């Protein structure tokens, strides 16, 4: 089993973002700004949903990888570290999802 993690991917995205846009897809997305990167994330999310609905396990794995990669690019552009997102997930999982969701609703 691989020891590859999202933190590894975050480092790769950061390194490749420094390249010239004609040398790296990551650098091209970063150079295009948040609208381009966010649009691509949305496209990949839709493709992931389609794969999930179609019970296409192989494509679901492929598209899920695309979503994670593009999410990390969007976070990189916004200068939000992956740890901030994981910290938020940790905070939310301290209680059940239903209780957490209820706490966000207006009384």
C-alpha atoms as a PDB file:
ATOM      1  CA  UNK A   1       0.000   0.000   0.000  1.00  0.00           C
ATOM      2  CA  UNK A   2       1.249   3.473  -0.890  1.00  0.00           C
ATOM      3  CA  UNK A   3       2.090   6.121   1.679  1.00  0.00           C
ATOM      4  CA  UNK A   4       0.968   8.867  -0.723  1.00  0.00           C
ATOM      5  CA  UNK A   5      -1.233  11.425   1.008  1.00  0.00           C
ATOM      6  CA  UNK A   6      -3.174  14.570   0.238  1.00  0.00           C
ATOM      7  CA  UNK A   7      -0.336  16.464   1.915  1.00  0.00           C
ATOM      8  CA  UNK A   8       2.012  14.988  -0.720  1.00  0.00           C
ATOM      9  CA  UNK A   9      -0.359  16.164  -3.429  1.00  0.00           C
ATOM     10  CA  UNK A  10      -0.553  19.592  -1.823  1.00  0.00           C
ATOM     11  CA  UNK A  11       3.256  19.857  -2.009  1.00  0.00           C
ATOM     12  CA  UNK A  12       3.268  18.724  -5.643  1.00  0.00           C
ATOM     13  CA  UNK A  13       0.621  21.316  -6.529  1.00  0.00           C
ATOM     14  CA  UNK A  14       2.648  24.039  -4.779  1.00  0.00           C
ATOM     15  CA  UNK A  15       5.828  23.028  -6.619  1.00  0.00           C
ATOM     16  CA  UNK A  16       4.169  22.785 -10.017  1.00  0.00           C
ATOM     17  CA  UNK A  17       2.367  26.094  -9.525  1.00  0.00           C
ATOM     18  CA  UNK A  18       5.801  27.743  -9.690  1.00  0.00           C
ATOM     19  CA  UNK A  19       6.471  26.457 -13.211  1.00  0.00           C
ATOM     20  CA  UNK A  20       5.698  28.316 -16.425  1.00  0.00           C
ATOM     21  CA  UNK A  21       2.125  27.844 -17.639  1.00  0.00           C
ATOM     22  CA  UNK A  22       3.373  26.206 -20.849  1.00  0.00           C
ATOM     23  CA  UNK A  23       5.249  23.604 -18.772  1.00  0.00           C
ATOM     24  CA  UNK A  24       2.608  22.575 -16.229  1.00  0.00           C
ATOM     25  CA  UNK A  25      -1.161  22.128 -16.173  1.00  0.00           C
ATOM     26  CA  UNK A  26      -1.111  23.235 -12.541  1.00  0.00           C
ATOM     27  CA  UNK A  27       0.772  26.405 -13.422  1.00  0.00           C
ATOM     28  CA  UNK A  28      -1.660  27.044 -16.284  1.00  0.00           C
ATOM     29  CA  UNK A  29      -4.636  26.747 -13.920  1.00  0.00           C
ATOM     30  CA  UNK A  30      -2.990  29.021 -11.359  1.00  0.00           C
ATOM     31  CA  UNK A  31      -2.134  31.586 -14.045  1.00  0.00           C
ATOM     32  CA  UNK A  32      -5.766  31.497 -15.194  1.00  0.00           C
ATOM     33  CA  UNK A  33      -6.864  32.533 -11.721  1.00  0.00           C
ATOM     34  CA  UNK A  34      -9.562  31.315  -9.417  1.00  0.00           C
ATOM     35  CA  UNK A  35     -12.422  31.505 -11.953  1.00  0.00           C
ATOM     36  CA  UNK A  36     -10.665  29.080 -14.319  1.00  0.00           C
ATOM     37  CA  UNK A  37      -9.582  26.719 -11.530  1.00  0.00           C
ATOM     38  CA  UNK A  38     -12.988  26.781  -9.834  1.00  0.00           C
ATOM     39  CA  UNK A  39     -14.745  26.115 -13.146  1.00  0.00           C
ATOM     40  CA  UNK A  40     -12.514  23.111 -13.726  1.00  0.00           C
ATOM     41  CA  UNK A  41     -13.221  21.862 -10.182  1.00  0.00           C
ATOM     42  CA  UNK A  42     -16.941  22.145 -10.896  1.00  0.00           C
ATOM     43  CA  UNK A  43     -16.607  20.221 -14.159  1.00  0.00           C
ATOM     44  CA  UNK A  44     -14.728  17.443 -12.382  1.00  0.00           C
ATOM     45  CA  UNK A  45     -17.315  17.363  -9.592  1.00  0.00           C
ATOM     46  CA  UNK A  46     -20.108  16.899 -12.136  1.00  0.00           C
ATOM     47  CA  UNK A  47     -18.173  14.097 -13.831  1.00  0.00           C
ATOM     48  CA  UNK A  48     -17.728  12.463 -10.422  1.00  0.00           C
ATOM     49  CA  UNK A  49     -21.460  12.658  -9.745  1.00  0.00           C
ATOM     50  CA  UNK A  50     -22.225  11.114 -13.146  1.00  0.00           C
ATOM     51  CA  UNK A  51     -19.817   8.245 -12.445  1.00  0.00           C
ATOM     52  CA  UNK A  52     -21.356   7.699  -9.005  1.00  0.00           C
ATOM     53  CA  UNK A  53     -24.925   7.676 -10.318  1.00  0.00           C
ATOM     54  CA  UNK A  54     -23.900   5.307 -13.105  1.00  0.00           C
ATOM     55  CA  UNK A  55     -22.238   2.942 -10.636  1.00  0.00           C
ATOM     56  CA  UNK A  56     -19.078   3.215 -12.739  1.00  0.00           C
ATOM     57  CA  UNK A  57     -16.553   2.339 -10.035  1.00  0.00           C
ATOM     58  CA  UNK A  58     -13.441   2.684 -12.205  1.00  0.00           C
ATOM     59  CA  UNK A  59     -14.464   6.094 -13.512  1.00  0.00           C
ATOM     60  CA  UNK A  60     -15.578   7.169 -10.035  1.00  0.00           C
ATOM     61  CA  UNK A  61     -12.053   6.535  -8.758  1.00  0.00           C
ATOM     62  CA  UNK A  62     -10.557   8.439 -11.713  1.00  0.00           C
ATOM     63  CA  UNK A  63     -12.898  11.414 -11.402  1.00  0.00           C
ATOM     64  CA  UNK A  64     -12.526  11.514  -7.618  1.00  0.00           C
ATOM     65  CA  UNK A  65      -8.781  11.884  -8.073  1.00  0.00           C
ATOM     66  CA  UNK A  66      -9.452  14.769 -10.473  1.00  0.00           C
ATOM     67  CA  UNK A  67     -11.737  16.445  -7.907  1.00  0.00           C
ATOM     68  CA  UNK A  68      -9.149  16.174  -5.136  1.00  0.00           C
ATOM     69  CA  UNK A  69      -6.392  17.534  -7.383  1.00  0.00           C
ATOM     70  CA  UNK A  70      -8.467  20.467  -8.633  1.00  0.00           C
ATOM     71  CA  UNK A  71      -9.685  21.235  -5.108  1.00  0.00           C
ATOM     72  CA  UNK A  72      -6.069  21.511  -3.975  1.00  0.00           C
ATOM     73  CA  UNK A  73      -5.348  23.868  -6.874  1.00  0.00           C
ATOM     74  CA  UNK A  74      -8.312  26.049  -5.850  1.00  0.00           C
ATOM     75  CA  UNK A  75      -7.091  26.025  -2.246  1.00  0.00           C
ATOM     76  CA  UNK A  76      -3.553  26.914  -3.408  1.00  0.00           C
ATOM     77  CA  UNK A  77      -4.821  29.927  -5.352  1.00  0.00           C
ATOM     78  CA  UNK A  78      -6.842  31.028  -2.300  1.00  0.00           C
ATOM     79  CA  UNK A  79      -3.782  30.498  -0.078  1.00  0.00           C
ATOM     80  CA  UNK A  80      -5.731  28.098   2.147  1.00  0.00           C
ATOM     81  CA  UNK A  81      -3.668  25.168   3.425  1.00  0.00           C
ATOM     82  CA  UNK A  82      -5.140  21.678   3.346  1.00  0.00           C
ATOM     83  CA  UNK A  83      -4.665  21.568   7.112  1.00  0.00           C
ATOM     84  CA  UNK A  84      -7.292  24.308   7.511  1.00  0.00           C
ATOM     85  CA  UNK A  85      -9.845  22.151   5.693  1.00  0.00           C
ATOM     86  CA  UNK A  86      -8.902  19.076   7.708  1.00  0.00           C
ATOM     87  CA  UNK A  87      -9.138  21.079  10.928  1.00  0.00           C
ATOM     88  CA  UNK A  88     -12.662  22.113   9.932  1.00  0.00           C
ATOM     89  CA  UNK A  89     -13.575  18.490   9.228  1.00  0.00           C
ATOM     90  CA  UNK A  90     -12.185  17.494  12.604  1.00  0.00           C
ATOM     91  CA  UNK A  91     -14.242  20.218  14.284  1.00  0.00           C
ATOM     92  CA  UNK A  92     -17.392  19.058  12.519  1.00  0.00           C
ATOM     93  CA  UNK A  93     -16.890  15.392  13.328  1.00  0.00           C
ATOM     94  CA  UNK A  94     -16.715  16.121  17.039  1.00  0.00           C
ATOM     95  CA  UNK A  95     -20.510  15.792  16.885  1.00  0.00           C
ATOM     96  CA  UNK A  96     -22.914  13.952  14.618  1.00  0.00           C
ATOM     97  CA  UNK A  97     -23.566  15.405  11.195  1.00  0.00           C
ATOM     98  CA  UNK A  98     -27.211  16.027  12.011  1.00  0.00           C
ATOM     99  CA  UNK A  99     -26.345  18.010  15.150  1.00  0.00           C
ATOM    100  CA  UNK A 100     -23.649  19.957  13.285  1.00  0.00           C
ATOM    101  CA  UNK A 101     -26.062  20.823  10.475  1.00  0.00           C
ATOM    102  CA  UNK A 102     -28.765  21.869  12.956  1.00  0.00           C
ATOM    103  CA  UNK A 103     -26.295  24.175  14.699  1.00  0.00           C
ATOM    104  CA  UNK A 104     -25.854  26.108  11.438  1.00  0.00           C
ATOM    105  CA  UNK A 105     -29.577  26.751  10.934  1.00  0.00           C
ATOM    106  CA  UNK A 106     -31.334  29.874  12.129  1.00  0.00           C
ATOM    107  CA  UNK A 107     -33.543  29.335  15.218  1.00  0.00           C
END
